[in-house]
Each structure stands twice: as C-alpha cells, then as structure tokens.
Amino acid sequence: MERENKKSFESSLKSIETENFLDRIFYRPIGYRIALLLSKTPITPNVVTIISIFVGVFAGILFYYQNIYINLIGFALLVVANILDCVDGQLARLTGIKSAAGRILDGLAGDLWFVSIYISIALRLSADASHSFTWIIVSLAGVSNLIQANVADFYKTAHLYFISPQKGAEFDTVAGVKAKHAAMPKGISKFLYLLYIYYTMLQAKVTPEMQNVLTRLSEKYGKDIPEDIRLKLRTLSLNMMPLFNITTFNGRSLAMLAGILFQNLWIYLFFEITVLNIVLFIAMNKYERSCKKLEV
C-alpha cells in the first residue's frame, strides 16, 4: 500500500528531479493530499489557480502595514497561495484535466502575487525614504523576480524534455508556440497564449547556446532524440537544478521572512536584486558554457 501511495504521489509531480528540498518535504506532500480530495469533486485545476491568485494578492497587500503580526499573516497566506499553486498542477496530473490556458494562468498567478507584494512594499518604504529611489529599487527587484522565474521555468521544463517527450510535453520553441497561437480560435485562451509567446521569446533570447543545441537536435533527430544524448543532457541539467532552485519561490520567500522578522524589507529587496541575480548569472553562465562545448 505504501508503495502504491508513493507511486501515486510521484505521478502527481512533473518530476522529483525538478523539485527542491522544501517542495519535497512540505509543499508537494500537502498539495498532493488536497489534490486527492479535490479529484473527487467538480473543482478544476483552473478554479484552484484563481483562488490562489486572490489569496496571494491579498497576502501581498498585508506587507504594506508596518506591523510584524499583520506581515506574518500575509506571509502565512502567501505560503497557502503557494500550496494551492502546487495543488492545481498536481490535480491536473491526477485527473488529466490540462490546457494551454491553464498552464499560462498558473504562470501568471505567481506574477500577480508579487506585483501586489512589490507595490505594497514600495508604498510602505516610500514613506520613510526617497520616493523615487524606493520605486526604482522595488522596480528592479520586480523585474529581477520576473526574469529569474522565467529562466528557471525554462531550464526546469527543458529538463523534463530531456527525461522523456512525455514528461516534457509542455516544452516548445518560439516557432511552435506561435504556430499553436495562430491555430487557436479567438477568445481568452488565445489572448493568454499571446502573452506566452513573449514569455517564450524572452527565454530564447537569454539562452542562445541552449537554443543552438535544441536546433541541432531538432534538425538531426526531430523529436526522437537518442537515449544516450537525452541522458547526457539530463545529467548536465540535473547538476544545475540546485542553483536554479534557489531563484524560485522558496529561495526568495526565506529572505522575505527574514525581512519581516527584522521588520526591514530592504533585506528582501537586497537579496532579490543582488544574491538571486548573482546565483542566476552563475547558473546560466555554467549551463551556456556547457552547451557550447556539447557535441550532439
């Protein structure tokens, strides 16, 4: 029975290889239990995503107040929003209810949380510091967050593609995304997919050597990449995962908690702009240099 539960749990994940330590021991196990309960109800993954947006945005508003207890409630709600962010994906994989719009909505959820957080932090800090200076720093942190999340998502999705075509079904090129967008009927899904085009274009722009590798593989093998090459790429990617994991929600949320406990949110902004960008640069540089040397 325990083996069956473990198998069911792992089937709710994209891959255990792309999950970091905190996800494995906290977020994903809780998300799995909630997803199991919801799988027996009419509630869809997109409904869970929308709820997570409201919870996360409200959590962000609570960072405006210079009160540690209100801030801690906000942080707790942000953790709840992130659990729900896990639930929607796990529920989708358990039930098979998946859509392109759902994936894009899921990606937008975290961005909307942090827009709320950064605006609240800017309004809070601008009362005690230069208004212009505060908004510049907060804007830099926000842009850094967006780029870090975008790039980390690209490398993690690429890793899934290196594991198998089935695991990496969501991985696509800019040309592929544009073709899918052109074929879609007018509506909200088509609009959301337009945003995804720009999202994918940014990923391609900052990963030129990886794009060269993918182009060569596509020209030579199509989608039938030999297993030995997949294994080589998977090993390279797996070695980089710990660095990219630092730049995701868990890394920045710990810095945010420190800022709340010390009642100094400049700590979080400094961590976001300096530490996380340095980690991202090191990870990308190592990955790109490895891709340049790769013979495929």
Protein backbone atom coordinates (compact mmCIF):
# COMPACT_ATOMS: atom_id res chain seq x y z
CA MET A 1 0.00 0.00 0.00
CA GLU A 2 2.84 2.38 0.90
CA ARG A 3 4.49 1.69 -2.47
CA GLU A 4 1.20 2.46 -4.26
CA ASN A 5 0.84 5.75 -2.35
CA LYS A 6 4.39 6.72 -3.26
CA LYS A 7 3.74 5.90 -6.92
CA SER A 8 0.53 7.94 -6.86
CA PHE A 9 2.33 10.86 -5.20
CA GLU A 10 5.15 10.84 -7.76
CA SER A 11 2.62 10.67 -10.61
CA SER A 12 1.23 13.99 -9.34
CA LEU A 13 4.63 15.63 -9.86
CA LYS A 14 6.24 16.73 -13.11
CA SER A 15 9.41 15.03 -11.88
CA ILE A 16 11.00 14.53 -8.47
CA GLU A 17 14.26 15.72 -10.07
CA THR A 18 12.99 19.28 -10.53
CA GLU A 19 11.57 19.59 -7.01
CA ASN A 20 13.73 21.24 -4.36
CA PHE A 21 14.07 20.14 -0.74
CA LEU A 22 11.30 22.30 0.72
CA ASP A 23 8.90 21.28 -2.05
CA ARG A 24 9.60 17.59 -1.43
CA ILE A 25 9.09 17.65 2.33
CA PHE A 26 6.41 20.35 2.69
CA TYR A 27 4.59 21.89 -0.27
CA ARG A 28 4.16 18.85 -2.51
CA PRO A 29 3.00 16.35 0.17
CA ILE A 30 0.37 18.82 1.41
CA GLY A 31 -0.60 19.69 -2.17
CA TYR A 32 -0.95 16.01 -3.02
CA ARG A 33 -3.37 15.34 -0.15
CA ILE A 34 -5.53 18.32 -1.11
CA ALA A 35 -5.41 17.35 -4.80
CA LEU A 36 -6.56 13.81 -3.92
CA LEU A 37 -9.57 15.21 -2.07
CA LEU A 38 -10.41 17.66 -4.87
CA SER A 39 -10.09 14.95 -7.53
CA LYS A 40 -13.37 13.54 -6.20
CA THR A 41 -15.17 16.87 -6.66
CA PRO A 42 -16.15 19.02 -9.69
CA ILE A 43 -13.44 21.58 -8.78
CA THR A 44 -10.99 22.01 -11.67
CA PRO A 45 -7.29 22.99 -11.59
CA ASN A 46 -8.11 26.42 -13.07
CA VAL A 47 -10.53 27.13 -10.21
CA VAL A 48 -7.74 26.32 -7.72
CA THR A 49 -5.38 28.64 -9.63
CA ILE A 50 -7.87 31.51 -9.50
CA ILE A 51 -8.34 31.01 -5.74
CA SER A 52 -4.54 31.06 -5.32
CA ILE A 53 -4.42 34.40 -7.16
CA PHE A 54 -6.91 36.00 -4.77
CA VAL A 55 -5.15 34.57 -1.70
CA GLY A 56 -1.69 35.60 -2.95
CA VAL A 57 -2.73 39.13 -3.94
CA PHE A 58 -4.43 39.67 -0.57
CA ALA A 59 -1.30 38.34 1.15
CA GLY A 60 0.75 40.93 -0.73
CA ILE A 61 -1.46 43.78 0.48
CA LEU A 62 -0.66 42.83 4.10
CA PHE A 63 3.02 43.62 3.51
CA TYR A 64 2.10 47.32 3.35
CA TYR A 65 1.49 47.55 7.11
CA GLN A 66 4.41 48.19 9.47
CA ASN A 67 3.17 45.56 11.88
CA ILE A 68 5.01 42.28 12.30
CA TYR A 69 1.86 40.31 13.15
CA ILE A 70 -0.04 41.52 10.08
CA ASN A 71 3.06 40.84 7.96
CA LEU A 72 3.34 37.30 9.35
CA ILE A 73 -0.32 36.69 8.49
CA GLY A 74 0.50 37.92 4.99
CA PHE A 75 3.44 35.55 4.80
CA ALA A 76 1.30 32.64 6.02
CA LEU A 77 -1.30 33.43 3.34
CA LEU A 78 1.49 33.55 0.74
CA VAL A 79 2.50 30.04 1.83
CA VAL A 80 -1.15 28.97 1.45
CA ALA A 81 -1.20 30.51 -2.05
CA ASN A 82 1.92 28.56 -2.95
CA ILE A 83 0.39 25.33 -1.64
CA LEU A 84 -2.62 26.00 -3.88
CA ASP A 85 -0.19 26.66 -6.74
CA CYS A 86 1.13 23.14 -6.15
CA VAL A 87 -2.39 21.73 -5.87
CA ASP A 88 -3.55 22.96 -9.29
CA GLY A 89 -0.71 21.21 -11.13
CA GLN A 90 -0.96 18.04 -9.07
CA LEU A 91 -4.73 17.96 -9.53
CA ALA A 92 -4.27 18.41 -13.30
CA ARG A 93 -1.90 15.45 -13.45
CA LEU A 94 -4.08 13.23 -11.25
CA THR A 95 -7.26 13.96 -13.22
CA GLY A 96 -5.82 14.56 -16.70
CA ILE A 97 -7.59 17.95 -16.87
CA LYS A 98 -4.95 20.06 -18.63
CA SER A 99 -5.00 23.00 -21.03
CA ALA A 100 -2.61 25.54 -22.51
CA ALA A 101 -4.63 28.33 -20.90
CA GLY A 102 -4.32 26.58 -17.55
CA ARG A 103 -0.53 26.45 -17.78
CA ILE A 104 -0.36 30.15 -18.66
CA LEU A 105 -2.82 31.10 -15.91
CA ASP A 106 -0.72 29.10 -13.47
CA GLY A 107 2.37 31.05 -14.52
CA LEU A 108 0.56 34.38 -14.19
CA ALA A 109 -0.63 33.56 -10.68
CA GLY A 110 2.79 33.93 -9.07
CA ASP A 111 3.48 37.10 -11.06
CA LEU A 112 0.26 38.68 -9.77
CA TRP A 113 1.12 37.78 -6.15
CA PHE A 114 4.45 39.51 -6.44
CA VAL A 115 3.04 42.57 -8.23
CA SER A 116 0.84 43.02 -5.16
CA ILE A 117 3.81 42.41 -2.85
CA TYR A 118 6.13 44.87 -4.62
CA ILE A 119 3.54 47.64 -4.82
CA SER A 120 2.78 47.22 -1.11
CA ILE A 121 6.48 47.24 -0.20
CA ALA A 122 7.09 50.34 -2.35
CA LEU A 123 4.22 52.24 -0.73
CA ARG A 124 5.43 51.20 2.72
CA LEU A 125 9.09 52.09 2.22
CA SER A 126 8.50 55.33 0.30
CA ALA A 127 7.04 56.82 3.48
CA ASP A 128 10.48 56.61 5.14
CA ALA A 129 12.85 57.05 2.18
CA SER A 130 13.15 58.96 -1.07
CA HIS A 131 10.00 58.24 -3.07
CA SER A 132 11.79 57.99 -6.44
CA PHE A 133 14.68 55.91 -5.06
CA THR A 134 12.30 53.43 -3.42
CA TRP A 135 10.26 52.86 -6.56
CA ILE A 136 13.41 52.40 -8.66
CA ILE A 137 14.76 49.75 -6.26
CA VAL A 138 11.41 47.98 -5.97
CA SER A 139 11.02 48.02 -9.76
CA LEU A 140 14.49 46.48 -10.14
CA ALA A 141 13.51 43.77 -7.67
CA GLY A 142 10.27 43.12 -9.55
CA VAL A 143 11.98 42.84 -12.93
CA SER A 144 14.64 40.60 -11.37
CA ASN A 145 11.92 38.35 -9.95
CA LEU A 146 10.19 38.11 -13.34
CA ILE A 147 13.40 37.20 -15.20
CA GLN A 148 14.53 34.71 -12.55
CA ALA A 149 11.18 32.91 -12.55
CA ASN A 150 11.06 32.89 -16.36
CA VAL A 151 14.57 31.48 -16.81
CA ALA A 152 14.23 28.90 -14.01
CA ASP A 153 10.94 27.71 -15.55
CA PHE A 154 12.65 27.33 -18.94
CA TYR A 155 15.50 25.21 -17.62
CA LYS A 156 13.18 23.07 -15.49
CA THR A 157 10.83 22.45 -18.42
CA ALA A 158 13.84 21.65 -20.62
CA HIS A 159 14.98 19.14 -18.00
CA LEU A 160 11.61 17.40 -18.22
CA TYR A 161 12.02 17.26 -22.00
CA PHE A 162 15.43 15.63 -21.57
CA ILE A 163 13.87 12.97 -19.32
CA SER A 164 11.28 11.99 -21.93
CA PRO A 165 8.99 13.51 -24.59
CA GLN A 166 6.01 12.67 -22.36
CA LYS A 167 7.41 14.46 -19.30
CA GLY A 168 8.45 17.42 -21.46
CA ALA A 169 5.21 17.72 -23.42
CA GLU A 170 4.89 21.38 -22.39
CA PHE A 171 8.36 22.25 -23.70
CA ASP A 172 8.17 24.15 -27.00
CA THR A 173 10.08 26.54 -29.26
CA VAL A 174 9.04 30.10 -30.10
CA ALA A 175 8.02 28.93 -33.59
CA GLY A 176 5.94 26.12 -32.09
CA VAL A 177 4.18 28.46 -29.67
CA LYS A 178 3.42 30.96 -32.47
CA ALA A 179 2.00 28.18 -34.66
CA LYS A 180 -0.29 26.98 -31.86
CA HIS A 181 -1.41 30.56 -31.19
CA ALA A 182 -2.26 31.11 -34.88
CA ALA A 183 -4.38 27.95 -34.93
CA MET A 184 -6.39 28.86 -31.83
CA PRO A 185 -9.91 30.36 -32.09
CA LYS A 186 -10.42 33.88 -30.75
CA GLY A 187 -11.05 34.10 -27.03
CA ILE A 188 -9.37 34.30 -23.64
CA SER A 189 -7.18 31.28 -24.35
CA LYS A 190 -5.79 32.90 -27.50
CA PHE A 191 -5.09 36.14 -25.58
CA LEU A 192 -3.31 34.29 -22.78
CA TYR A 193 -1.30 32.36 -25.34
CA LEU A 194 -0.19 35.67 -26.90
CA LEU A 195 1.40 36.52 -23.54
CA TYR A 196 3.05 33.10 -23.60
CA ILE A 197 4.68 33.94 -26.94
CA TYR A 198 6.52 36.89 -25.36
CA TYR A 199 7.34 34.75 -22.33
CA THR A 200 8.92 32.11 -24.60
CA MET A 201 10.74 34.75 -26.67
CA LEU A 202 12.44 36.10 -23.54
CA GLN A 203 13.51 32.58 -22.58
CA ALA A 204 15.01 32.02 -26.03
CA LYS A 205 16.77 35.40 -26.00
CA VAL A 206 18.71 34.74 -22.80
CA THR A 207 19.65 31.12 -23.61
CA PRO A 208 21.37 31.31 -27.05
CA GLU A 209 23.70 28.30 -26.63
CA MET A 210 20.90 26.11 -25.34
CA GLN A 211 18.80 27.20 -28.33
CA ASN A 212 21.65 26.18 -30.66
CA VAL A 213 21.75 22.72 -29.06
CA LEU A 214 17.98 22.34 -29.38
CA THR A 215 18.08 23.45 -33.03
CA ARG A 216 20.81 20.93 -33.88
CA LEU A 217 18.91 18.16 -32.11
CA SER A 218 15.69 19.03 -33.92
CA GLU A 219 17.39 19.14 -37.33
CA LYS A 220 19.21 15.86 -36.74
CA TYR A 221 16.68 13.77 -34.83
CA GLY A 222 13.34 15.59 -34.84
CA LYS A 223 11.62 14.57 -31.59
CA ASP A 224 13.29 11.14 -31.50
CA ILE A 225 16.42 12.12 -29.56
CA PRO A 226 18.58 9.04 -28.84
CA GLU A 227 18.50 7.90 -25.22
CA ASP A 228 22.27 8.34 -24.69
CA ILE A 229 22.03 12.01 -25.73
CA ARG A 230 18.97 12.51 -23.51
CA LEU A 231 20.92 11.05 -20.61
CA LYS A 232 23.88 13.36 -21.27
CA LEU A 233 21.62 16.43 -21.38
CA ARG A 234 19.65 15.24 -18.35
CA THR A 235 22.85 14.82 -16.30
CA LEU A 236 24.06 18.29 -17.30
CA SER A 237 20.70 19.80 -16.42
CA LEU A 238 20.39 17.91 -13.12
CA ASN A 239 23.72 19.33 -11.93
CA MET A 240 22.34 22.85 -12.44
CA MET A 241 18.99 22.31 -10.68
CA PRO A 242 20.17 23.20 -7.13
CA LEU A 243 21.28 26.65 -8.34
CA PHE A 244 18.09 27.34 -10.29
CA ASN A 245 16.00 26.17 -7.31
CA ILE A 246 17.50 28.96 -5.19
CA THR A 247 16.00 31.53 -7.58
CA THR A 248 12.45 30.17 -7.24
CA PHE A 249 9.72 30.91 -4.68
CA ASN A 250 11.35 29.03 -1.81
CA GLY A 251 14.63 30.93 -2.02
CA ARG A 252 13.07 34.38 -2.07
CA SER A 253 10.37 33.52 0.49
CA LEU A 254 13.01 32.74 3.13
CA ALA A 255 14.61 36.17 2.54
CA MET A 256 11.16 37.71 2.75
CA LEU A 257 10.54 36.02 6.10
CA ALA A 258 13.86 37.38 7.38
CA GLY A 259 12.83 40.88 6.27
CA ILE A 260 9.53 40.54 8.14
CA LEU A 261 11.12 39.23 11.35
CA PHE A 262 13.64 42.09 11.37
CA GLN A 263 10.93 44.50 10.16
CA ASN A 264 13.29 45.63 7.42
CA LEU A 265 12.05 44.74 3.94
CA TRP A 266 15.18 46.26 2.39
CA ILE A 267 16.76 42.91 3.34
CA TYR A 268 14.42 41.15 0.93
CA LEU A 269 14.96 43.68 -1.87
CA PHE A 270 18.75 43.46 -1.47
CA PHE A 271 18.59 39.66 -1.59
CA GLU A 272 16.38 39.70 -4.68
CA ILE A 273 18.48 42.18 -6.65
CA THR A 274 21.96 41.02 -5.67
CA VAL A 275 22.11 37.45 -4.34
CA LEU A 276 19.47 35.89 -6.59
CA ASN A 277 20.72 37.67 -9.71
CA ILE A 278 24.29 36.54 -8.99
CA VAL A 279 23.11 32.95 -8.48
CA LEU A 280 21.10 33.12 -11.71
CA PHE A 281 24.06 34.55 -13.65
CA ILE A 282 26.39 31.81 -12.36
CA ALA A 283 23.88 29.05 -13.18
CA MET A 284 23.12 30.40 -16.66
CA ASN A 285 26.78 31.01 -17.45
CA LYS A 286 27.76 27.47 -16.42
CA TYR A 287 24.87 25.96 -18.36
CA GLU A 288 25.52 28.02 -21.50
CA ARG A 289 29.25 27.24 -21.46
CA SER A 290 28.47 23.53 -21.10
CA CYS A 291 26.03 23.72 -24.03
CA LYS A 292 28.67 25.43 -26.16
CA LYS A 293 31.07 22.52 -25.57
CA LEU A 294 28.41 19.88 -26.05
CA GLU A 295 28.74 17.62 -29.08
CA VAL A 296 25.35 16.36 -30.25
